Amino acid sequence: MIFLLCCWPKKWPIASKPDCSVVPRQAHFPFFKTIDEFDFSLQTTLRQSLLGSYLGPDFVTEGRSLILYGKAGRGKTHLAVAIGYRAIQNGFETLCTTAAKLVEDLSNASKKGCLQESLLTYTHPHVLLVDEVGYLTYGPDAANVLFHVVNDRHLRKRPMIFTTNKPLSEWGRVLHDDDLAAAILDRILERGRLIHLDGTSGRTRHLNLEGVLPGAAERARISGIRVPEFPEPTACLDKRMLIRQRVKTITHTVELLNFAQKRNRRHVHGAF
């Protein structure tokens, strides 16, 4: 009895939390960002309060998912990494990958007959972050292999975060299968949410390109006219157009004066 009392631990060991200085590297984040570093002032509708349910443990335990949609530079990957890192801080395992890498890995595994084993890489972690859906071109079986991942995680209530620059209506074209794309989105959004990130690009806001490049690109897409590599600023174009109009007006006025002078000379000669 005395021996047992001496050997009895004073405190039961408590499960240690993950070392947050090491785990981000294991999660394969493309960079390290937190929610506090995100500039919400660039967004017209998104506020941090709207993301509250994705920053707590309920995000994982309830199997919620998220699609972050927007143009380049709007902070989609930043937000996804920040939410994934918060899940790590809450004690959950997170894996980040690109859609291109996931599709390539699983497509190759399918060809080798070891798809089920390779699926564990993407179905095992508590949180899966799939970045850049729609940025690159995928193989013909993209929808098939992605459906395997999404369906397995959906059935086990494992959260997923996707970032994309394509509207949901174009996922069928991106993945080469409209029906499977619809099934994938149906499972993601059953317990998930679509968040549209708008505003200006965080990368090029100092260049003040909004309203210049998108308009030119859209006109080129419709007309087929090539967009200049370095479009001139709108203010310069307006100034040049104004100068041209003034030159035309002056030229026209001079021509009228010359015509009037010639006509007067004819009248004078006719009088003599």
Protein backbone atom coordinates (compact mmCIF):
# COMPACT_ATOMS: atom_id res chain seq x y z
CA MET A 1 0.00 0.00 0.00
CA ILE A 2 2.82 2.41 0.89
CA PHE A 3 4.54 1.57 -2.40
CA LEU A 4 1.39 2.33 -4.40
CA LEU A 5 0.89 5.65 -2.66
CA CYS A 6 4.48 6.67 -3.37
CA CYS A 7 4.20 5.75 -7.04
CA TRP A 8 0.78 7.35 -7.53
CA PRO A 9 1.18 10.45 -9.76
CA LYS A 10 0.38 13.79 -8.19
CA LYS A 11 -1.31 14.92 -11.42
CA TRP A 12 -2.75 12.95 -14.28
CA PRO A 13 -1.06 13.87 -17.60
CA ILE A 14 -3.10 16.27 -19.72
CA ALA A 15 -3.20 15.88 -23.50
CA SER A 16 -0.79 18.42 -24.88
CA LYS A 17 -1.94 20.94 -27.47
CA PRO A 18 -0.16 20.94 -30.82
CA ASP A 19 2.97 23.04 -31.14
CA CYS A 20 1.65 25.88 -33.26
CA SER A 21 5.15 26.80 -34.40
CA VAL A 22 5.61 23.40 -36.06
CA VAL A 23 2.12 22.37 -37.18
CA PRO A 24 1.68 25.02 -39.93
CA ARG A 25 4.59 23.41 -41.80
CA GLN A 26 2.97 20.01 -41.43
CA ALA A 27 -0.28 21.43 -42.80
CA HIS A 28 1.54 22.49 -46.02
CA PHE A 29 0.16 26.02 -46.02
CA PRO A 30 1.52 28.06 -48.96
CA PHE A 31 2.22 30.84 -46.44
CA PHE A 32 1.33 31.61 -42.85
CA LYS A 33 -1.45 34.13 -42.21
CA THR A 34 -3.84 34.72 -39.32
CA ILE A 35 -7.33 36.18 -39.22
CA ASP A 36 -5.98 39.29 -37.46
CA GLU A 37 -3.81 40.07 -40.49
CA PHE A 38 -6.72 40.08 -42.94
CA ASP A 39 -7.72 43.56 -44.15
CA PHE A 40 -11.50 43.57 -43.99
CA SER A 41 -11.57 47.23 -45.07
CA LEU A 42 -10.99 46.08 -48.68
CA GLN A 43 -14.27 44.12 -48.61
CA THR A 44 -17.62 45.81 -49.19
CA THR A 45 -19.80 43.15 -47.55
CA LEU A 46 -17.60 40.68 -45.65
CA ARG A 47 -16.98 41.33 -41.95
CA GLN A 48 -15.09 39.23 -39.42
CA SER A 49 -18.28 38.69 -37.44
CA LEU A 50 -19.66 36.67 -40.37
CA LEU A 51 -16.79 34.19 -39.96
CA GLY A 52 -17.26 33.67 -36.24
CA SER A 53 -18.74 30.19 -36.58
CA TYR A 54 -15.73 29.10 -38.67
CA LEU A 55 -13.15 30.20 -36.13
CA GLY A 56 -14.34 28.05 -33.22
CA PRO A 57 -14.25 24.29 -32.59
CA ASP A 58 -17.86 23.94 -33.79
CA PHE A 59 -16.60 24.42 -37.33
CA VAL A 60 -14.93 21.01 -37.06
CA THR A 61 -17.22 19.16 -34.70
CA GLU A 62 -20.32 20.04 -36.74
CA GLY A 63 -18.67 19.26 -40.07
CA ARG A 64 -19.22 22.64 -41.70
CA SER A 65 -17.69 23.56 -45.05
CA LEU A 66 -16.88 26.76 -46.89
CA ILE A 67 -16.35 28.00 -50.45
CA LEU A 68 -14.45 31.28 -50.80
CA TYR A 69 -15.14 32.76 -54.23
CA GLY A 70 -13.67 35.86 -55.84
CA LYS A 71 -11.22 37.33 -58.31
CA ALA A 72 -7.46 37.15 -57.86
CA GLY A 73 -6.00 39.12 -54.98
CA ARG A 74 -9.16 39.29 -52.86
CA GLY A 75 -7.69 37.26 -49.98
CA LYS A 76 -9.35 33.88 -50.51
CA THR A 77 -6.26 31.82 -49.67
CA HIS A 78 -5.39 34.14 -46.78
CA LEU A 79 -8.79 33.53 -45.18
CA ALA A 80 -8.64 29.79 -45.83
CA VAL A 81 -5.20 29.51 -44.23
CA ALA A 82 -6.31 31.63 -41.28
CA ILE A 83 -9.35 29.41 -40.66
CA GLY A 84 -7.25 26.27 -41.07
CA TYR A 85 -4.67 27.59 -38.60
CA ARG A 86 -7.40 28.44 -36.09
CA ALA A 87 -8.59 24.82 -36.35
CA ILE A 88 -5.03 23.72 -35.54
CA GLN A 89 -5.03 26.01 -32.51
CA ASN A 90 -8.28 24.34 -31.44
CA GLY A 91 -6.54 20.95 -31.55
CA PHE A 92 -7.54 19.63 -34.97
CA GLU A 93 -5.40 18.34 -37.81
CA THR A 94 -5.47 20.41 -41.01
CA LEU A 95 -4.13 19.67 -44.50
CA CYS A 96 -3.79 22.25 -47.27
CA THR A 97 -3.36 21.34 -50.93
CA THR A 98 -4.17 22.75 -54.35
CA ALA A 99 -6.93 21.34 -56.52
CA ALA A 100 -4.38 20.60 -59.23
CA LYS A 101 -2.17 18.56 -56.89
CA LEU A 102 -5.11 16.64 -55.43
CA VAL A 103 -6.46 15.75 -58.87
CA GLU A 104 -3.04 14.76 -60.19
CA ASP A 105 -2.18 12.62 -57.15
CA LEU A 106 -5.46 10.74 -57.16
CA SER A 107 -5.58 10.37 -60.94
CA ASN A 108 -2.14 8.75 -60.92
CA ALA A 109 -3.16 6.54 -58.00
CA SER A 110 -6.29 5.46 -59.87
CA LYS A 111 -4.23 4.46 -62.88
CA LYS A 112 -1.95 2.40 -60.63
CA GLY A 113 -4.92 0.73 -58.90
CA CYS A 114 -4.24 2.22 -55.46
CA LEU A 115 -6.87 4.95 -55.31
CA GLN A 116 -8.36 3.82 -51.98
CA GLU A 117 -5.00 3.98 -50.22
CA SER A 118 -4.20 7.43 -51.64
CA LEU A 119 -7.62 8.78 -50.66
CA LEU A 120 -6.64 8.52 -46.99
CA THR A 121 -4.23 11.43 -47.44
CA TYR A 122 -7.18 13.71 -48.15
CA THR A 123 -9.96 12.07 -46.14
CA HIS A 124 -8.11 11.50 -42.85
CA PRO A 125 -7.35 15.09 -41.64
CA HIS A 126 -10.05 16.83 -39.63
CA VAL A 127 -9.97 19.85 -41.98
CA LEU A 128 -9.11 19.79 -45.70
CA LEU A 129 -8.26 23.02 -47.52
CA VAL A 130 -8.40 22.79 -51.34
CA ASP A 131 -6.95 25.92 -52.94
CA GLU A 132 -7.29 27.35 -56.45
CA VAL A 133 -10.23 25.42 -57.91
CA GLY A 134 -10.50 26.52 -61.54
CA TYR A 135 -7.15 28.22 -61.93
CA LEU A 136 -5.52 25.43 -63.95
CA THR A 137 -6.72 22.83 -66.44
CA TYR A 138 -7.36 19.34 -65.03
CA GLY A 139 -7.46 15.89 -66.53
CA PRO A 140 -10.71 14.29 -67.73
CA ASP A 141 -11.25 12.37 -64.45
CA ALA A 142 -11.01 15.47 -62.22
CA ALA A 143 -14.65 15.37 -61.17
CA ASN A 144 -14.47 11.64 -60.46
CA VAL A 145 -11.51 11.76 -58.06
CA LEU A 146 -12.67 14.95 -56.36
CA PHE A 147 -16.10 13.43 -55.79
CA HIS A 148 -14.50 10.50 -53.94
CA VAL A 149 -12.85 12.93 -51.51
CA VAL A 150 -15.88 15.17 -51.01
CA ASN A 151 -18.34 12.31 -50.62
CA ASP A 152 -16.20 10.49 -48.04
CA ARG A 153 -15.66 13.64 -45.99
CA HIS A 154 -19.32 14.61 -46.27
CA LEU A 155 -20.49 11.24 -44.93
CA ARG A 156 -18.10 11.50 -41.96
CA LYS A 157 -18.85 15.20 -41.37
CA ARG A 158 -15.30 16.32 -42.03
CA PRO A 159 -15.02 20.06 -42.89
CA MET A 160 -13.73 21.27 -46.24
CA ILE A 161 -12.61 24.73 -47.40
CA PHE A 162 -12.39 25.55 -51.10
CA THR A 163 -11.06 28.68 -52.79
CA THR A 164 -12.05 29.42 -56.37
CA ASN A 165 -12.08 32.18 -58.96
CA LYS A 166 -14.93 30.53 -60.85
CA PRO A 167 -18.65 30.92 -60.13
CA LEU A 168 -20.35 27.70 -59.08
CA SER A 169 -22.18 27.54 -62.40
CA GLU A 170 -18.82 26.97 -64.15
CA TRP A 171 -17.56 24.12 -61.96
CA GLY A 172 -19.03 21.59 -64.38
CA ARG A 173 -16.92 22.99 -67.21
CA VAL A 174 -13.84 23.19 -64.96
CA LEU A 175 -14.20 19.57 -63.80
CA HIS A 176 -15.42 18.22 -67.18
CA ASP A 177 -18.65 16.80 -65.73
CA ASP A 178 -21.76 18.86 -64.96
CA ASP A 179 -23.55 16.11 -63.02
CA LEU A 180 -20.63 15.24 -60.75
CA ALA A 181 -19.86 18.93 -60.21
CA ALA A 182 -23.45 19.45 -59.07
CA ALA A 183 -23.17 16.45 -56.72
CA ILE A 184 -19.90 17.79 -55.30
CA LEU A 185 -21.35 21.25 -54.63
CA ASP A 186 -24.52 19.72 -53.17
CA ARG A 187 -22.48 17.89 -50.54
CA ILE A 188 -20.18 20.80 -49.76
CA LEU A 189 -23.01 23.28 -49.28
CA GLU A 190 -25.39 21.02 -47.35
CA ARG A 191 -23.59 22.06 -44.16
CA GLY A 192 -21.56 24.76 -45.82
CA ARG A 193 -21.61 28.31 -47.04
CA LEU A 194 -20.54 30.32 -50.09
CA ILE A 195 -18.76 33.60 -49.36
CA HIS A 196 -18.09 36.06 -52.17
CA LEU A 197 -15.00 38.23 -51.70
CA ASP A 198 -15.18 41.44 -53.70
CA GLY A 199 -13.56 44.84 -53.33
CA THR A 200 -10.15 45.72 -54.72
CA SER A 201 -7.16 43.44 -55.13
CA GLY A 202 -4.88 43.50 -52.13
CA ARG A 203 -1.87 42.93 -54.39
CA THR A 204 -2.40 45.79 -56.87
CA ARG A 205 -4.46 48.33 -54.94
CA HIS A 206 -1.51 50.77 -54.98
CA LEU A 207 -1.71 50.87 -58.81
CA ASN A 208 -5.37 51.94 -58.86
CA LEU A 209 -6.19 49.54 -61.69
CA GLU A 210 -9.83 48.93 -60.77
CA GLY A 211 -12.19 49.99 -63.53
CA VAL A 212 -9.40 50.08 -66.15
CA LEU A 213 -8.12 46.54 -66.66
CA PRO A 214 -11.38 44.60 -66.14
CA GLY A 215 -13.25 46.80 -68.61
CA ALA A 216 -10.54 46.48 -71.24
CA ALA A 217 -10.34 42.73 -70.78
CA GLU A 218 -14.09 42.37 -71.07
CA ARG A 219 -14.19 44.44 -74.27
CA ALA A 220 -11.37 42.37 -75.73
CA ARG A 221 -13.16 39.13 -74.85
CA ILE A 222 -16.28 40.26 -76.71
CA SER A 223 -14.70 41.99 -79.71
CA GLY A 224 -11.58 39.87 -80.10
CA ILE A 225 -9.37 42.97 -80.12
CA ARG A 226 -6.09 42.47 -78.32
CA VAL A 227 -5.73 44.34 -75.04
CA PRO A 228 -2.65 46.61 -74.81
CA GLU A 229 -0.03 45.15 -72.50
CA PHE A 230 0.29 48.47 -70.69
CA PRO A 231 -3.03 50.33 -70.96
CA GLU A 232 -2.88 54.09 -70.63
CA PRO A 233 -4.47 55.69 -67.57
CA THR A 234 -8.01 56.96 -68.14
CA ALA A 235 -7.08 60.53 -67.23
CA CYS A 236 -4.38 60.62 -69.93
CA LEU A 237 -6.79 59.27 -72.51
CA ASP A 238 -9.41 61.89 -71.65
CA LYS A 239 -6.82 64.67 -71.88
CA ARG A 240 -5.57 63.48 -75.26
CA MET A 241 -9.10 63.23 -76.63
CA LEU A 242 -9.82 66.78 -75.47
CA ILE A 243 -6.67 68.08 -77.19
CA ARG A 244 -7.60 66.30 -80.42
CA GLN A 245 -11.09 67.81 -80.36
CA ARG A 246 -9.65 71.29 -79.85
CA VAL A 247 -7.21 70.83 -82.74
CA LYS A 248 -10.06 69.73 -84.99
CA THR A 249 -12.14 72.75 -83.96
CA ILE A 250 -9.26 75.16 -84.61
CA THR A 251 -8.53 73.54 -87.97
CA HIS A 252 -12.16 73.78 -88.99
CA THR A 253 -12.29 77.45 -87.96
CA VAL A 254 -9.17 78.29 -89.98
CA GLU A 255 -10.64 76.56 -93.03
CA LEU A 256 -13.83 78.62 -92.72
CA LEU A 257 -11.83 81.86 -92.45
CA ASN A 258 -9.77 80.99 -95.50
CA PHE A 259 -12.94 80.20 -97.45
CA ALA A 260 -14.52 83.52 -96.42
CA GLN A 261 -11.41 85.47 -97.42
CA LYS A 262 -11.31 83.84 -100.88
CA ARG A 263 -14.99 84.61 -101.42
CA ASN A 264 -14.49 88.29 -100.46
CA ARG A 265 -11.59 88.61 -102.88
CA ARG A 266 -13.75 87.29 -105.73
CA HIS A 267 -16.42 89.88 -104.96
CA VAL A 268 -13.82 92.66 -104.91
CA HIS A 269 -12.35 91.64 -108.30
CA GLY A 270 -15.83 91.35 -109.79
CA ALA A 271 -16.64 94.94 -108.81
CA PHE A 272 -13.77 96.27 -110.90
